Protein backbone atom coordinates (compact mmCIF):
# COMPACT_ATOMS: atom_id res chain seq x y z
CA MET A 1 -8.36 35.70 33.90
CA ALA A 2 -7.26 32.59 35.77
CA VAL A 3 -6.21 29.49 33.83
CA PHE A 4 -9.37 27.61 34.79
CA GLY A 5 -11.57 30.52 33.73
CA LEU A 6 -9.82 30.81 30.38
CA LEU A 7 -10.05 27.07 29.78
CA SER A 8 -13.74 27.11 30.73
CA THR A 9 -14.36 29.92 28.24
CA LEU A 10 -12.68 27.97 25.46
CA VAL A 11 -14.63 24.79 26.20
CA CYS A 12 -17.94 26.70 26.34
CA LEU A 13 -17.19 28.42 23.02
CA ALA A 14 -16.15 25.10 21.46
CA ALA A 15 -19.38 23.43 22.61
CA ALA A 16 -21.60 26.29 21.43
CA PHE A 17 -19.85 26.60 18.06
CA SER A 18 -19.94 22.82 17.55
CA LEU A 19 -23.70 22.81 18.05
CA LEU A 20 -24.18 25.76 15.68
CA SER A 21 -21.92 24.12 13.11
CA ARG A 22 -23.92 20.92 13.18
CA ARG A 23 -27.44 22.36 13.37
CA LEU A 24 -27.15 25.51 11.26
CA LEU A 25 -24.08 25.40 9.04
CA ARG A 26 -24.20 21.63 8.40
CA LEU A 27 -20.41 21.60 8.29
CA PRO A 28 -17.83 19.29 9.89
CA ALA A 29 -17.37 20.32 13.52
CA THR A 30 -13.74 21.43 13.18
CA VAL A 31 -14.21 23.54 10.04
CA GLY A 32 -17.51 24.98 11.28
CA VAL A 33 -15.99 25.90 14.65
CA MET A 34 -13.03 27.59 12.96
CA LEU A 35 -15.29 29.59 10.61
CA LEU A 36 -17.46 30.71 13.53
CA SER A 37 -14.40 31.71 15.56
CA LEU A 38 -13.05 33.61 12.54
CA ALA A 39 -16.40 35.39 12.19
CA THR A 40 -16.40 36.21 15.91
CA SER A 41 -12.86 37.58 15.72
CA THR A 42 -13.79 39.71 12.70
CA LEU A 43 -16.90 41.11 14.44
CA ILE A 44 -14.83 42.01 17.51
CA ALA A 45 -12.25 43.75 15.32
CA VAL A 46 -14.96 45.72 13.47
CA ALA A 47 -16.86 46.56 16.68
CA GLY A 48 -13.60 47.81 18.15
CA ARG A 49 -13.84 50.83 15.86
CA TRP A 50 -16.96 52.00 17.71
CA VAL A 51 -16.19 50.59 21.15
CA PRO A 52 -12.74 51.85 22.16
CA GLY A 53 -10.55 49.21 23.72
CA LEU A 54 -12.83 46.25 22.91
CA HIS A 55 -10.48 44.65 20.38
CA THR A 56 -7.45 45.29 22.58
CA GLN A 57 -9.06 43.80 25.69
CA VAL A 58 -10.34 40.67 23.96
CA ALA A 59 -7.07 40.18 22.07
CA ALA A 60 -5.13 40.55 25.33
CA LEU A 61 -7.32 37.86 26.89
CA PHE A 62 -6.48 35.28 24.26
CA THR A 63 -2.87 36.34 23.74
CA HIS A 64 -2.24 34.95 27.24
CA ILE A 65 -2.42 31.61 25.43
CA ASP A 66 0.97 30.79 23.92
CA PHE A 67 -0.40 29.16 20.76
CA SER A 68 3.01 27.87 19.69
CA SER A 69 3.68 26.14 23.02
CA VAL A 70 0.12 24.84 23.35
CA VAL A 71 0.38 23.12 19.97
CA LEU A 72 4.03 22.04 19.86
CA HIS A 73 4.37 21.06 23.54
CA GLY A 74 0.83 20.05 24.41
CA MET A 75 -1.92 19.14 21.99
CA LEU A 76 0.40 17.60 19.41
CA ALA A 77 1.35 14.79 21.81
CA PHE A 78 -2.26 13.64 22.13
CA LEU A 79 -3.35 14.26 18.54
CA LEU A 80 -0.39 12.53 16.91
CA PHE A 81 -0.60 9.55 19.24
CA ALA A 82 -4.35 9.23 18.64
CA GLY A 83 -3.88 9.45 14.87
CA ALA A 84 -1.08 6.89 14.84
CA LEU A 85 -3.08 4.58 17.10
CA LYS A 86 -5.74 4.24 14.38
CA LEU A 87 -3.26 3.80 11.55
CA ASN A 88 -3.48 0.50 9.67
CA LEU A 89 0.07 -0.86 9.70
CA GLU A 90 -0.56 -3.26 6.79
CA ASP A 91 -1.80 -0.46 4.52
CA LEU A 92 1.13 1.74 5.57
CA SER A 93 3.60 -1.08 4.85
CA ARG A 94 2.28 -1.41 1.28
CA GLN A 95 2.80 2.34 0.76
CA LYS A 96 6.17 2.64 2.52
CA ALA A 97 8.09 3.68 -0.61
CA PRO A 98 5.91 6.71 -1.55
CA VAL A 99 5.44 7.64 2.11
CA ALA A 100 9.21 7.69 2.71
CA ALA A 101 9.86 9.66 -0.49
CA LEU A 102 7.13 12.22 0.21
CA SER A 103 8.02 12.59 3.90
CA VAL A 104 11.73 13.23 3.47
CA PHE A 105 12.63 14.13 -0.10
CA GLY A 106 9.28 15.76 -0.86
CA THR A 107 9.47 18.00 2.21
CA LEU A 108 13.00 19.15 1.36
CA LEU A 109 12.08 19.78 -2.27
CA SER A 110 8.95 21.69 -1.34
CA THR A 111 10.94 23.91 1.03
CA VAL A 112 13.27 24.95 -1.79
CA PHE A 113 10.48 25.29 -4.38
CA VAL A 114 8.31 27.47 -2.12
CA ALA A 115 11.23 29.72 -1.16
CA ALA A 116 12.38 30.19 -4.78
CA LEU A 117 8.92 30.75 -6.28
CA LEU A 118 7.76 33.09 -3.52
CA LEU A 119 10.98 35.12 -3.65
CA VAL A 120 10.60 35.67 -7.41
CA ILE A 121 6.88 36.49 -7.30
CA LEU A 122 7.18 38.92 -4.38
CA GLU A 123 10.17 40.56 -6.06
CA VAL A 124 8.24 41.04 -9.31
CA THR A 125 5.17 42.45 -7.54
CA GLY A 126 7.23 44.77 -5.34
CA LEU A 127 6.33 42.96 -2.10
CA ARG A 128 9.93 42.04 -1.27
CA MET A 129 10.52 39.80 1.74
CA GLY A 130 14.10 38.58 1.40
CA PHE A 131 15.60 35.14 0.88
CA VAL A 132 15.89 34.10 4.54
CA PRO A 133 12.19 34.75 5.45
CA CYS A 134 11.11 33.01 2.22
CA LEU A 135 13.23 29.96 3.06
CA LEU A 136 11.90 29.83 6.63
CA PHE A 137 8.36 30.10 5.30
CA GLY A 138 9.06 27.29 2.86
CA ALA A 139 10.32 25.07 5.68
CA LEU A 140 7.32 25.62 7.98
CA ILE A 141 4.63 25.41 5.29
CA SER A 142 5.95 22.39 3.38
CA PRO A 143 5.02 19.62 5.85
CA THR A 144 1.39 18.60 5.52
CA ASP A 145 -0.36 19.04 8.84
CA PRO A 146 -1.23 15.65 10.40
CA ILE A 147 -4.07 17.11 12.47
CA ALA A 148 -5.84 18.70 9.50
CA VAL A 149 -5.18 15.75 7.17
CA LEU A 150 -6.37 13.10 9.63
CA GLU A 151 -9.53 15.05 10.40
CA MET A 152 -10.27 15.50 6.70
CA LEU A 153 -9.63 11.84 5.82
CA HIS A 154 -11.82 10.72 8.72
CA ARG A 155 -14.90 12.19 7.04
CA VAL A 156 -14.31 12.00 3.27
CA GLY A 157 -13.92 8.22 2.89
CA ALA A 158 -10.71 8.00 0.85
CA PRO A 159 -9.59 4.56 -0.43
CA PRO A 160 -7.16 2.69 1.88
CA SER A 161 -4.10 3.10 -0.38
CA LEU A 162 -4.52 6.86 -0.78
CA GLU A 163 -5.43 7.29 2.88
CA ALA A 164 -2.28 5.40 3.91
CA GLN A 165 -0.11 7.67 1.72
CA LEU A 166 -1.64 10.93 2.97
CA THR A 167 -1.82 9.80 6.59
CA GLY A 168 1.64 8.25 6.67
CA GLU A 169 3.24 11.25 5.00
CA SER A 170 1.50 13.78 7.25
CA LEU A 171 2.43 11.88 10.41
CA PHE A 172 6.12 11.60 9.50
CA ASN A 173 6.92 14.73 7.51
CA ASP A 174 6.08 17.15 10.30
CA GLY A 175 9.07 15.79 12.22
CA VAL A 176 11.27 16.22 9.16
CA GLY A 177 9.88 19.70 8.49
CA ALA A 178 10.40 20.78 12.10
CA VAL A 179 14.05 19.66 11.99
CA VAL A 180 14.63 21.59 8.75
CA PHE A 181 12.89 24.69 10.09
CA LEU A 182 14.73 24.70 13.42
CA THR A 183 18.08 24.04 11.71
CA LEU A 184 17.57 26.98 9.35
CA LEU A 185 16.36 29.20 12.19
CA GLU A 186 19.38 28.37 14.35
CA SER A 187 21.79 28.79 11.44
CA PHE A 188 20.45 32.20 10.43
CA SER A 189 20.28 33.37 14.06
CA THR A 190 23.93 32.51 14.67
CA GLY A 191 25.11 33.65 11.25
CA THR A 192 26.37 30.23 10.21
CA ARG A 193 25.61 28.62 6.86
CA PRO A 194 23.67 25.33 7.06
CA THR A 195 25.30 22.46 5.19
CA LEU A 196 24.03 19.17 3.81
CA ALA A 197 26.10 17.35 6.43
CA SER A 198 24.48 19.27 9.30
CA PHE A 199 21.01 18.58 7.92
CA THR A 200 21.76 14.89 7.53
CA TRP A 201 23.25 14.64 11.01
CA LEU A 202 20.29 16.39 12.64
CA LEU A 203 17.82 14.22 10.74
CA LEU A 204 19.63 11.09 11.91
CA ILE A 205 19.89 12.25 15.52
CA LYS A 206 16.60 14.07 16.05
CA ALA A 207 14.27 12.27 13.65
CA GLY A 208 15.91 8.84 13.91
CA GLY A 209 16.38 9.14 17.66
CA GLY A 210 12.78 10.21 18.21
CA THR A 211 11.49 7.31 16.12
CA ALA A 212 13.72 4.80 17.94
CA LEU A 213 12.61 6.11 21.34
CA GLY A 214 8.96 5.79 20.32
CA LEU A 215 9.46 2.20 19.17
CA VAL A 216 11.19 1.21 22.42
CA LEU A 217 8.60 2.88 24.64
CA GLY A 218 5.79 1.47 22.49
CA PHE A 219 7.01 -2.13 22.87
CA LEU A 220 7.51 -1.57 26.62
CA ALA A 221 3.94 -0.27 26.89
CA CYS A 222 2.66 -3.34 25.02
CA ARG A 223 4.24 -5.64 27.60
CA LEU A 224 2.60 -3.65 30.39
CA LEU A 225 -0.75 -3.74 28.59
CA ARG A 226 -0.60 -7.55 28.61
CA MET A 227 -0.41 -7.40 32.39
CA ALA A 228 -3.43 -5.15 32.75
CA ASP A 229 -6.84 -6.72 33.29
CA SER A 230 -8.90 -3.54 33.20
CA TYR A 231 -9.65 -1.17 30.35
CA ARG A 232 -9.25 1.72 32.80
CA VAL A 233 -5.66 0.67 33.47
CA GLU A 234 -5.05 0.15 29.74
CA ALA A 235 -6.37 3.63 28.92
CA LEU A 236 -4.19 5.15 31.65
CA LEU A 237 -1.12 3.30 30.38
CA THR A 238 -1.63 4.60 26.84
CA LEU A 239 -2.17 8.11 28.22
CA ALA A 240 1.09 7.84 30.19
CA LEU A 241 2.88 6.70 27.03
CA ALA A 242 1.51 9.58 24.95
CA MET A 243 2.42 12.25 27.49
CA GLY A 244 5.53 10.77 29.08
CA GLY A 245 7.15 9.69 25.83
CA TYR A 246 6.59 13.08 24.20
CA ALA A 247 7.98 14.93 27.23
CA LEU A 248 11.02 12.62 27.41
CA ALA A 249 11.80 13.18 23.72
CA ASP A 250 11.59 16.94 24.30
CA VAL A 251 14.00 16.73 27.22
CA LEU A 252 16.46 14.60 25.23
CA GLY A 253 16.34 17.01 22.27
CA LEU A 254 14.82 14.42 19.94
CA SER A 255 11.84 14.75 17.61
CA ALA A 256 8.88 14.47 19.98
CA PRO A 257 6.29 14.32 17.14
CA LEU A 258 8.04 11.31 15.58
CA GLU A 259 8.30 9.66 18.99
CA ALA A 260 4.53 10.00 19.45
CA VAL A 261 3.85 8.61 15.97
CA ALA A 262 6.16 5.61 16.38
CA ALA A 263 4.77 4.78 19.84
CA GLY A 264 1.18 5.13 18.61
CA ILE A 265 1.75 2.86 15.61
CA VAL A 266 3.35 0.12 17.74
CA VAL A 267 0.67 0.22 20.43
CA GLY A 268 -2.16 0.42 17.89
CA ALA A 269 -0.89 -2.62 15.99
CA ARG A 270 -0.15 -4.69 19.09
CA VAL A 271 -3.34 -3.81 20.98
CA ARG A 272 -5.45 -5.04 18.07
CA SER A 273 -3.58 -8.38 18.16
CA LEU A 274 -3.33 -8.83 21.93
CA ALA A 275 -5.43 -11.44 23.63
CA THR A 276 -7.50 -8.87 25.50
CA SER A 277 -11.25 -8.71 25.46
CA PRO A 278 -12.99 -6.90 22.59
CA ASP A 279 -14.70 -4.69 25.17
CA ALA A 280 -11.35 -3.54 26.55
CA ARG A 281 -10.02 -2.70 23.09
CA GLU A 282 -13.22 -0.87 22.23
CA HIS A 283 -13.07 1.20 25.42
CA VAL A 284 -9.44 2.20 24.81
CA GLU A 285 -10.13 3.11 21.17
CA SER A 286 -13.24 5.08 22.16
CA PHE A 287 -11.23 6.87 24.84
CA TRP A 288 -8.65 8.09 22.33
CA GLU A 289 -11.25 8.91 19.70
CA LEU A 290 -13.00 11.16 22.21
CA ILE A 291 -9.74 12.90 23.16
CA ASP A 292 -8.94 13.36 19.47
CA ASP A 293 -12.36 14.86 18.68
CA ILE A 294 -12.43 17.26 21.64
CA LEU A 295 -8.87 18.53 21.18
CA ASN A 296 -9.39 18.95 17.43
CA VAL A 297 -12.39 21.21 18.00
CA ILE A 298 -10.57 23.28 20.63
CA LEU A 299 -7.49 23.55 18.41
CA PHE A 300 -9.49 24.82 15.42
CA LEU A 301 -11.29 27.25 17.75
CA LEU A 302 -7.93 28.64 18.88
CA LEU A 303 -6.78 28.84 15.27
CA GLY A 304 -9.76 31.06 14.40
CA LEU A 305 -9.30 33.23 17.49
CA GLU A 306 -5.64 33.79 16.56
CA LEU A 307 -7.02 36.23 13.96
CA LEU A 308 -7.28 38.77 16.80
CA ALA A 309 -3.53 38.64 17.37
CA MET A 310 -2.42 38.60 13.73
CA PRO A 311 -0.21 41.51 12.54
CA TRP A 312 -2.38 42.68 9.64
CA ASN A 313 -1.18 44.97 6.87
CA PRO A 314 -2.51 45.30 3.28
CA HIS A 315 0.88 44.24 1.91
CA TYR A 316 0.85 41.13 4.09
CA ILE A 317 -2.60 40.18 2.79
CA TYR A 318 -1.50 40.56 -0.85
CA ALA A 319 1.61 38.50 -0.17
CA GLY A 320 -0.48 35.82 1.54
CA LEU A 321 -2.88 35.57 -1.40
CA LEU A 322 0.07 35.24 -3.79
CA ALA A 323 1.57 32.54 -1.58
CA ILE A 324 -1.47 30.26 -1.96
CA PRO A 325 -0.79 29.25 -5.61
CA VAL A 326 2.94 29.17 -4.85
CA VAL A 327 2.47 26.59 -2.07
CA LEU A 328 0.13 24.50 -4.25
CA ALA A 329 2.53 24.60 -7.21
CA ALA A 330 5.47 23.63 -5.00
CA ARG A 331 3.43 20.81 -3.49
CA TRP A 332 2.57 19.47 -6.96
CA LEU A 333 6.19 19.62 -8.10
CA SER A 334 7.49 17.89 -4.98
CA VAL A 335 4.83 15.14 -5.24
CA VAL A 336 5.64 14.50 -8.91
CA VAL A 337 9.40 14.33 -8.36
CA SER A 338 9.07 12.19 -5.20
CA LEU A 339 6.79 9.64 -6.87
CA LEU A 340 9.06 9.51 -9.92
CA LEU A 341 11.91 8.45 -7.64
CA VAL A 342 9.99 5.39 -6.44
CA ARG A 343 8.03 4.61 -9.61
CA LYS A 344 9.82 1.24 -10.00
CA LEU A 345 8.76 0.23 -6.49
CA HIS A 346 5.32 1.80 -6.54
CA LYS A 347 3.34 3.02 -9.53
CA PRO A 348 0.82 5.74 -8.60
CA VAL A 349 -2.77 5.23 -9.70
CA ARG A 350 -4.42 7.70 -12.02
CA GLY A 351 -5.37 10.89 -10.21
CA ALA A 352 -3.20 10.16 -7.16
CA ILE A 353 -0.87 13.12 -7.82
CA THR A 354 -3.81 15.52 -8.02
CA MET A 355 -5.31 14.07 -4.86
CA LEU A 356 -2.03 14.15 -2.95
CA THR A 357 -1.49 17.76 -4.01
CA TRP A 358 -4.94 19.06 -3.07
CA GLY A 359 -5.32 16.80 -0.02
CA GLY A 360 -2.00 17.82 1.52
CA LEU A 361 -3.51 20.30 3.97
CA ARG A 362 -1.67 22.83 6.09
CA GLY A 363 -2.92 23.61 9.59
CA ALA A 364 -2.18 24.74 13.12
CA LEU A 365 1.32 23.23 13.11
CA ALA A 366 2.51 25.72 10.49
CA VAL A 367 1.08 28.66 12.46
CA ALA A 368 2.71 27.37 15.65
CA LEU A 369 6.12 27.20 13.93
CA ALA A 370 5.67 30.69 12.46
CA LEU A 371 4.84 32.11 15.89
CA SER A 372 8.13 30.71 17.23
CA LEU A 373 10.10 33.13 15.04
CA THR A 374 11.97 36.02 16.65
CA PRO A 375 9.77 39.19 16.68
CA GLY A 376 10.48 41.65 13.91
CA ARG A 377 9.29 42.83 10.53
CA ALA A 378 9.94 39.52 8.80
CA HIS A 379 8.29 37.76 11.76
CA ASP A 380 5.02 39.65 11.25
CA ARG A 381 4.99 39.11 7.51
CA VAL A 382 5.73 35.38 7.70
CA ILE A 383 3.03 34.88 10.36
CA ALA A 384 0.38 36.72 8.33
CA ILE A 385 1.24 34.85 5.11
CA THR A 386 1.23 31.52 6.93
CA TYR A 387 -2.15 32.24 8.51
CA ILE A 388 -3.76 33.11 5.16
CA VAL A 389 -2.40 29.95 3.49
CA VAL A 390 -3.56 27.78 6.40
CA ILE A 391 -7.09 29.23 6.43
CA PHE A 392 -7.38 28.67 2.67
CA SER A 393 -6.06 25.13 3.02
CA ILE A 394 -8.47 24.09 5.77
CA VAL A 395 -11.59 25.81 4.46
CA VAL A 396 -11.28 25.59 0.67
CA GLN A 397 -9.14 22.47 0.21
CA GLY A 398 -10.57 20.67 3.23
CA LEU A 399 -14.21 21.19 2.22
CA THR A 400 -13.71 20.32 -1.46
CA THR A 401 -11.53 17.22 -1.07
CA ASP A 402 -14.55 14.89 -0.94
CA LYS A 403 -15.86 16.35 -4.22
CA LEU A 404 -12.46 15.88 -5.83
CA LEU A 405 -12.34 12.28 -4.57
CA HIS A 406 -15.68 11.60 -6.21
CA LYS A 407 -14.68 13.32 -9.45
CA LEU A 408 -11.48 11.26 -9.67
CA GLY A 409 -13.37 8.05 -8.84
CA PHE A 410 -11.76 7.59 -5.41
CA SER A 411 -14.82 8.06 -3.21
CA ALA A 412 -16.66 5.07 -1.79
CA ARG A 413 -19.79 5.93 -3.77
CA ALA A 414 -17.88 6.38 -7.04
CA ARG A 415 -16.03 3.09 -6.54
CA ALA A 416 -19.31 1.31 -5.88
CA VAL A 417 -20.84 2.67 -9.10
CA ALA A 418 -17.73 1.69 -11.10
CA GLN A 419 -17.91 -1.93 -9.95
CA PRO A 420 -19.86 -4.28 -12.28
């Protein structure tokens, strides 16, 4: 099928599933679309037993889509920029200590905790996977997914302080996690042993360089926005920044996700303070909100359809189910230790650790990183485990976060009742 035909099919499915999700399932569009695409993939797989070649033909159709490249070198540029554009810089500044600790130290700690816990549990249960695959899995699953977290926070109504922590961490730690993952992958592929010095150097060059590039391009874009007298030109300038900046960071070998986040934060803060008309600002914000909503739905549709291409095996499913509590336990430990490090600068409110643990969702980014692994036995197992953890995170954690917010007194309704 031609590219246009495949894209048309995806858009039609996304539109149909969005309508069904809203009218019948009464679920958020992204989660509903993903559940419907998972159900469709399952039906195709089951029907394939009676209709020879059906599963293979449909799977071949969608395997033409390089999910890893589509996410890491396509959608992520728009989604991260759109998320950062809406970020409240004042709220983020108040939470800079916990955000920095969770983004850097928490991600590194979680990588080690996940690898160690999973290695022990799989060894005990006889589902051995080896230290290297466990460590790679820990690196790709530890960063909270900014796309899933931002979508969840958009609809649950978390308080500003907690939203700033979760949003800030998710926007920054994916860059850190990607550097750790790629460093480990390169080291194990070449047979060299990664050192603390190499990690530190790569973080400074890739993460720091990507952030610096985003800040420079963001300030340059702000100066150009002052010269524009049309919201159409302003929207096009922000689109050029999102795409061009991300592509430039990729070419330079810097962290493109962090470049997009830094540029989005600068432009978002400056646009709200520029002496442009309210109509122009509203049009630009509406433009990016629409892009964000459409791409989110299509991304979650693709995530559900990836079920058709997953390398399933009963042992992989057992390992994936065991990995769910391991990832949650490692997340809790890393949050506790990270917040203890900055407790003199920022004291967490009651229930924040629980909320940060359960609200730290994993999503398409983790699957995209897993799919970038070299094909092989460990490759198949890591992909299957990652997919199971991600589906649990989005469906179970994502749909129950609002209830947990209310139970802990964080929801808007609970806060209103608590006020005298």
